[in-house]
């Protein structure tokens, strides 16, 4: 629900800025993990493809964050852009969870 007392740009800063920071954090962690570990349950090609997608998403998020900052929070991001990032973060979480489970066996 929207706080009618917040101007639209302040609402964007309140919601979008932390979301972009979260994406930066999780993509950085995922990139480090995928560069550091060899995943026995994924082929080298699958792991490399996932890493490539994470790197691309990192670039996109960094660009979006720069534009957001350059416009002083006046520009939003379309859900069609955010949804694939969310799906990729979720996929990375699932891969990390599977890796931890495989190590416990």
N, C-alpha and C. Protein backbone atom coordinates (compact mmCIF):
# COMPACT_ATOMS: atom_id res chain seq x y z
N UNK A 1 0.84 -1.17 0.00
CA UNK A 1 0.00 0.00 0.00
C UNK A 1 0.89 1.23 0.00
N UNK A 2 0.50 2.22 -0.73
CA UNK A 2 1.31 3.42 -0.91
C UNK A 2 0.99 4.45 0.15
N UNK A 3 2.03 5.06 0.69
CA UNK A 3 1.87 6.16 1.64
C UNK A 3 1.61 7.42 0.83
N UNK A 4 0.39 7.96 0.91
CA UNK A 4 0.02 9.10 0.09
C UNK A 4 0.79 10.36 0.48
N UNK A 5 1.48 10.34 1.60
CA UNK A 5 2.27 11.50 2.02
C UNK A 5 3.64 11.55 1.36
N UNK A 6 4.08 10.43 0.78
CA UNK A 6 5.38 10.39 0.14
C UNK A 6 5.24 10.77 -1.34
N UNK A 7 6.05 11.71 -1.80
CA UNK A 7 6.08 11.98 -3.24
C UNK A 7 6.57 10.74 -3.98
N UNK A 8 6.21 10.64 -5.24
CA UNK A 8 6.56 9.46 -6.03
C UNK A 8 8.07 9.21 -6.04
N UNK A 9 8.88 10.27 -6.18
CA UNK A 9 10.33 10.07 -6.21
C UNK A 9 10.84 9.53 -4.87
N UNK A 10 10.27 9.97 -3.77
CA UNK A 10 10.68 9.47 -2.45
C UNK A 10 10.25 8.01 -2.28
N UNK A 11 9.10 7.67 -2.81
CA UNK A 11 8.64 6.28 -2.76
C UNK A 11 9.60 5.39 -3.55
N UNK A 12 10.02 5.86 -4.73
CA UNK A 12 10.99 5.10 -5.53
C UNK A 12 12.29 4.92 -4.76
N UNK A 13 12.76 5.97 -4.12
CA UNK A 13 14.01 5.87 -3.35
C UNK A 13 13.86 4.89 -2.19
N UNK A 14 12.70 4.91 -1.55
CA UNK A 14 12.45 4.05 -0.40
C UNK A 14 12.39 2.58 -0.78
N UNK A 15 11.84 2.30 -1.96
CA UNK A 15 11.64 0.91 -2.38
C UNK A 15 12.74 0.43 -3.32
N UNK A 16 13.00 1.21 -4.35
CA UNK A 16 13.88 0.75 -5.42
C UNK A 16 15.36 0.76 -5.04
N UNK A 17 15.79 1.75 -4.33
CA UNK A 17 17.21 1.83 -3.97
C UNK A 17 17.66 0.62 -3.16
N UNK A 18 16.96 0.24 -2.10
CA UNK A 18 17.38 -0.95 -1.35
C UNK A 18 17.27 -2.24 -2.19
N UNK A 19 16.28 -2.28 -3.07
CA UNK A 19 16.13 -3.46 -3.92
C UNK A 19 17.33 -3.61 -4.85
N UNK A 20 17.76 -2.52 -5.45
CA UNK A 20 18.94 -2.57 -6.32
C UNK A 20 20.19 -2.96 -5.53
N UNK A 21 20.31 -2.46 -4.31
CA UNK A 21 21.44 -2.84 -3.46
C UNK A 21 21.41 -4.33 -3.13
N UNK A 22 20.21 -4.85 -2.88
CA UNK A 22 20.07 -6.29 -2.62
C UNK A 22 20.51 -7.11 -3.84
N UNK A 23 20.07 -6.69 -5.02
CA UNK A 23 20.49 -7.40 -6.24
C UNK A 23 22.00 -7.36 -6.39
N UNK A 24 22.60 -6.20 -6.16
CA UNK A 24 24.06 -6.10 -6.25
C UNK A 24 24.73 -7.08 -5.28
N UNK A 25 24.25 -7.13 -4.06
CA UNK A 25 24.81 -8.01 -3.04
C UNK A 25 24.71 -9.48 -3.45
N UNK A 26 23.51 -9.91 -3.83
CA UNK A 26 23.32 -11.33 -4.14
C UNK A 26 24.02 -11.74 -5.42
N UNK A 27 24.08 -10.86 -6.41
CA UNK A 27 24.81 -11.21 -7.62
C UNK A 27 26.31 -11.27 -7.35
N UNK A 28 26.83 -10.41 -6.51
CA UNK A 28 28.25 -10.46 -6.15
C UNK A 28 28.57 -11.76 -5.42
N UNK A 29 27.73 -12.12 -4.47
CA UNK A 29 27.94 -13.39 -3.74
C UNK A 29 27.86 -14.58 -4.68
N UNK A 30 26.88 -14.56 -5.56
CA UNK A 30 26.70 -15.68 -6.50
C UNK A 30 27.88 -15.78 -7.45
N UNK A 31 28.35 -14.64 -7.93
CA UNK A 31 29.50 -14.64 -8.84
C UNK A 31 30.72 -15.22 -8.14
N UNK A 32 30.99 -14.77 -6.93
CA UNK A 32 32.12 -15.29 -6.17
C UNK A 32 32.00 -16.80 -5.98
N UNK A 33 30.83 -17.25 -5.60
CA UNK A 33 30.58 -18.68 -5.38
C UNK A 33 30.83 -19.48 -6.67
N UNK A 34 30.26 -19.01 -7.78
CA UNK A 34 30.37 -19.74 -9.04
C UNK A 34 31.80 -19.73 -9.59
N UNK A 35 32.56 -18.70 -9.29
CA UNK A 35 33.96 -18.64 -9.73
C UNK A 35 34.87 -19.49 -8.84
N UNK A 36 34.48 -19.68 -7.61
CA UNK A 36 35.31 -20.37 -6.62
C UNK A 36 35.06 -21.88 -6.57
N UNK A 37 33.82 -22.29 -6.73
CA UNK A 37 33.46 -23.70 -6.52
C UNK A 37 33.24 -24.44 -7.84
N UNK A 38 33.57 -25.74 -7.83
CA UNK A 38 33.22 -26.63 -8.93
C UNK A 38 32.02 -27.44 -8.47
N UNK A 39 30.90 -27.29 -9.16
CA UNK A 39 29.65 -27.91 -8.74
C UNK A 39 29.49 -29.27 -9.41
N UNK A 40 29.49 -30.32 -8.61
CA UNK A 40 29.44 -31.69 -9.15
C UNK A 40 28.09 -32.01 -9.80
N UNK A 41 27.05 -31.30 -9.44
CA UNK A 41 25.71 -31.58 -9.96
C UNK A 41 25.37 -30.75 -11.20
N UNK A 42 26.32 -29.94 -11.65
CA UNK A 42 26.14 -29.15 -12.87
C UNK A 42 27.32 -29.44 -13.80
N UNK A 43 27.03 -29.44 -15.10
CA UNK A 43 28.14 -29.57 -16.05
C UNK A 43 28.93 -28.26 -16.05
N UNK A 44 30.14 -28.32 -16.55
CA UNK A 44 30.96 -27.12 -16.65
C UNK A 44 30.25 -26.07 -17.49
N UNK A 45 29.59 -26.51 -18.55
CA UNK A 45 28.86 -25.59 -19.43
C UNK A 45 27.70 -24.92 -18.68
N UNK A 46 26.95 -25.70 -17.90
CA UNK A 46 25.82 -25.14 -17.14
C UNK A 46 26.30 -24.11 -16.12
N UNK A 47 27.38 -24.44 -15.44
CA UNK A 47 27.93 -23.52 -14.44
C UNK A 47 28.45 -22.26 -15.12
N UNK A 48 29.13 -22.41 -16.22
CA UNK A 48 29.66 -21.27 -16.96
C UNK A 48 28.52 -20.39 -17.48
N UNK A 49 27.45 -21.02 -17.95
CA UNK A 49 26.29 -20.26 -18.44
C UNK A 49 25.64 -19.47 -17.31
N UNK A 50 25.50 -20.09 -16.16
CA UNK A 50 24.92 -19.40 -15.01
C UNK A 50 25.81 -18.22 -14.59
N UNK A 51 27.11 -18.44 -14.56
CA UNK A 51 28.04 -17.37 -14.21
C UNK A 51 27.95 -16.22 -15.22
N UNK A 52 27.84 -16.54 -16.48
CA UNK A 52 27.71 -15.50 -17.52
C UNK A 52 26.44 -14.70 -17.32
N UNK A 53 25.35 -15.37 -16.98
CA UNK A 53 24.08 -14.67 -16.75
C UNK A 53 24.16 -13.79 -15.50
N UNK A 54 24.86 -14.25 -14.48
CA UNK A 54 25.04 -13.44 -13.26
C UNK A 54 25.86 -12.19 -13.58
N UNK A 55 26.94 -12.36 -14.34
CA UNK A 55 27.77 -11.21 -14.72
C UNK A 55 26.96 -10.19 -15.53
N UNK A 56 26.15 -10.67 -16.46
CA UNK A 56 25.31 -9.78 -17.28
C UNK A 56 24.31 -9.05 -16.39
N UNK A 57 23.69 -9.77 -15.48
CA UNK A 57 22.72 -9.15 -14.57
C UNK A 57 23.41 -8.11 -13.68
N UNK A 58 24.63 -8.40 -13.23
CA UNK A 58 25.38 -7.43 -12.44
C UNK A 58 25.57 -6.13 -13.21
N UNK A 59 25.94 -6.25 -14.48
CA UNK A 59 26.12 -5.06 -15.32
C UNK A 59 24.81 -4.29 -15.46
N UNK A 60 23.73 -5.02 -15.67
CA UNK A 60 22.42 -4.37 -15.82
C UNK A 60 22.01 -3.65 -14.54
N UNK A 61 22.20 -4.30 -13.41
CA UNK A 61 21.84 -3.69 -12.12
C UNK A 61 22.72 -2.46 -11.87
N UNK A 62 24.00 -2.57 -12.14
CA UNK A 62 24.89 -1.42 -11.95
C UNK A 62 24.48 -0.25 -12.83
N UNK A 63 24.11 -0.53 -14.07
CA UNK A 63 23.65 0.52 -14.97
C UNK A 63 22.36 1.15 -14.46
N UNK A 64 21.43 0.30 -14.04
CA UNK A 64 20.15 0.81 -13.51
C UNK A 64 20.39 1.68 -12.27
N UNK A 65 21.31 1.24 -11.41
CA UNK A 65 21.59 2.00 -10.20
C UNK A 65 22.25 3.35 -10.53
N UNK A 66 23.14 3.35 -11.52
CA UNK A 66 23.76 4.61 -11.94
C UNK A 66 22.72 5.57 -12.50
N UNK A 67 21.81 5.07 -13.33
CA UNK A 67 20.75 5.91 -13.89
C UNK A 67 19.83 6.42 -12.79
N UNK A 68 19.52 5.57 -11.86
CA UNK A 68 18.66 5.96 -10.74
C UNK A 68 19.32 7.07 -9.94
N UNK A 69 20.62 6.91 -9.68
CA UNK A 69 21.35 7.93 -8.93
C UNK A 69 21.51 9.22 -9.73
N UNK A 70 21.80 9.08 -11.02
CA UNK A 70 22.01 10.27 -11.87
C UNK A 70 20.75 11.10 -12.01
N UNK A 71 19.59 10.46 -11.90
CA UNK A 71 18.31 11.19 -12.02
C UNK A 71 17.74 11.53 -10.65
N UNK A 72 18.54 11.33 -9.61
CA UNK A 72 18.11 11.59 -8.24
C UNK A 72 16.82 10.86 -7.89
N UNK A 73 16.74 9.61 -8.34
CA UNK A 73 15.59 8.77 -8.01
C UNK A 73 14.33 9.10 -8.77
N UNK A 74 14.46 9.76 -9.89
CA UNK A 74 13.28 10.15 -10.66
C UNK A 74 12.86 9.10 -11.68
N UNK A 75 13.67 8.06 -11.85
CA UNK A 75 13.41 7.04 -12.86
C UNK A 75 13.17 5.71 -12.18
N UNK A 76 12.09 5.04 -12.55
CA UNK A 76 11.79 3.71 -12.03
C UNK A 76 12.34 2.64 -12.96
N UNK A 77 12.07 1.40 -12.62
CA UNK A 77 12.49 0.27 -13.43
C UNK A 77 11.27 -0.61 -13.68
N UNK A 78 11.08 -0.97 -14.92
CA UNK A 78 9.94 -1.78 -15.32
C UNK A 78 10.02 -3.18 -14.69
N UNK A 79 8.88 -3.71 -14.33
CA UNK A 79 8.83 -5.06 -13.74
C UNK A 79 9.38 -6.10 -14.71
N UNK A 80 9.27 -5.85 -16.00
CA UNK A 80 9.81 -6.79 -16.99
C UNK A 80 11.34 -6.87 -16.89
N UNK A 81 11.95 -5.87 -16.33
CA UNK A 81 13.40 -5.88 -16.10
C UNK A 81 13.72 -6.53 -14.76
N UNK A 82 12.93 -6.22 -13.74
CA UNK A 82 13.19 -6.75 -12.39
C UNK A 82 12.92 -8.25 -12.27
N UNK A 83 11.90 -8.73 -12.93
CA UNK A 83 11.49 -10.14 -12.78
C UNK A 83 12.61 -11.12 -13.14
N UNK A 84 13.31 -10.94 -14.27
CA UNK A 84 14.41 -11.89 -14.56
C UNK A 84 15.53 -11.84 -13.53
N UNK A 85 15.80 -10.66 -12.96
CA UNK A 85 16.83 -10.58 -11.92
C UNK A 85 16.39 -11.38 -10.71
N UNK A 86 15.14 -11.24 -10.34
CA UNK A 86 14.62 -11.98 -9.19
C UNK A 86 14.70 -13.49 -9.45
N UNK A 87 14.33 -13.90 -10.66
CA UNK A 87 14.38 -15.33 -11.00
C UNK A 87 15.82 -15.85 -10.95
N UNK A 88 16.77 -15.03 -11.42
CA UNK A 88 18.16 -15.44 -11.40
C UNK A 88 18.71 -15.54 -9.98
N UNK A 89 18.35 -14.60 -9.13
CA UNK A 89 18.77 -14.68 -7.73
C UNK A 89 18.21 -15.95 -7.09
N UNK A 90 16.95 -16.23 -7.36
CA UNK A 90 16.32 -17.44 -6.82
C UNK A 90 17.04 -18.69 -7.32
N UNK A 91 17.39 -18.71 -8.59
CA UNK A 91 18.12 -19.85 -9.15
C UNK A 91 19.47 -20.01 -8.46
N UNK A 92 20.15 -18.90 -8.23
CA UNK A 92 21.45 -18.95 -7.54
C UNK A 92 21.31 -19.45 -6.11
N UNK A 93 20.27 -19.01 -5.42
CA UNK A 93 20.01 -19.50 -4.07
C UNK A 93 19.80 -21.01 -4.08
N UNK A 94 19.04 -21.50 -5.06
CA UNK A 94 18.77 -22.94 -5.17
C UNK A 94 20.04 -23.72 -5.44
N UNK A 95 20.91 -23.20 -6.28
CA UNK A 95 22.18 -23.86 -6.58
C UNK A 95 23.05 -23.91 -5.32
N UNK A 96 23.13 -22.81 -4.59
CA UNK A 96 23.92 -22.78 -3.36
C UNK A 96 23.37 -23.75 -2.32
N UNK A 97 22.05 -23.81 -2.22
CA UNK A 97 21.43 -24.73 -1.26
C UNK A 97 21.73 -26.18 -1.65
N UNK A 98 21.66 -26.48 -2.94
CA UNK A 98 21.96 -27.84 -3.40
C UNK A 98 23.43 -28.17 -3.14
N UNK A 99 24.30 -27.21 -3.32
CA UNK A 99 25.73 -27.41 -3.06
C UNK A 99 25.96 -27.74 -1.58
N UNK A 100 25.32 -26.98 -0.69
CA UNK A 100 25.46 -27.24 0.75
C UNK A 100 24.91 -28.60 1.11
N UNK A 101 23.79 -28.98 0.54
CA UNK A 101 23.20 -30.29 0.82
C UNK A 101 24.11 -31.42 0.34
N UNK A 102 24.73 -31.24 -0.82
CA UNK A 102 25.63 -32.26 -1.37
C UNK A 102 26.86 -32.42 -0.50
N UNK A 103 27.31 -31.35 0.13
CA UNK A 103 28.49 -31.41 0.99
C UNK A 103 28.18 -32.09 2.32
N UNK A 104 26.92 -32.07 2.74
CA UNK A 104 26.53 -32.67 4.02
C UNK A 104 26.39 -34.18 3.92
N UNK A 105 26.27 -34.70 2.71
CA UNK A 105 26.06 -36.13 2.53
C UNK A 105 27.32 -36.90 2.70
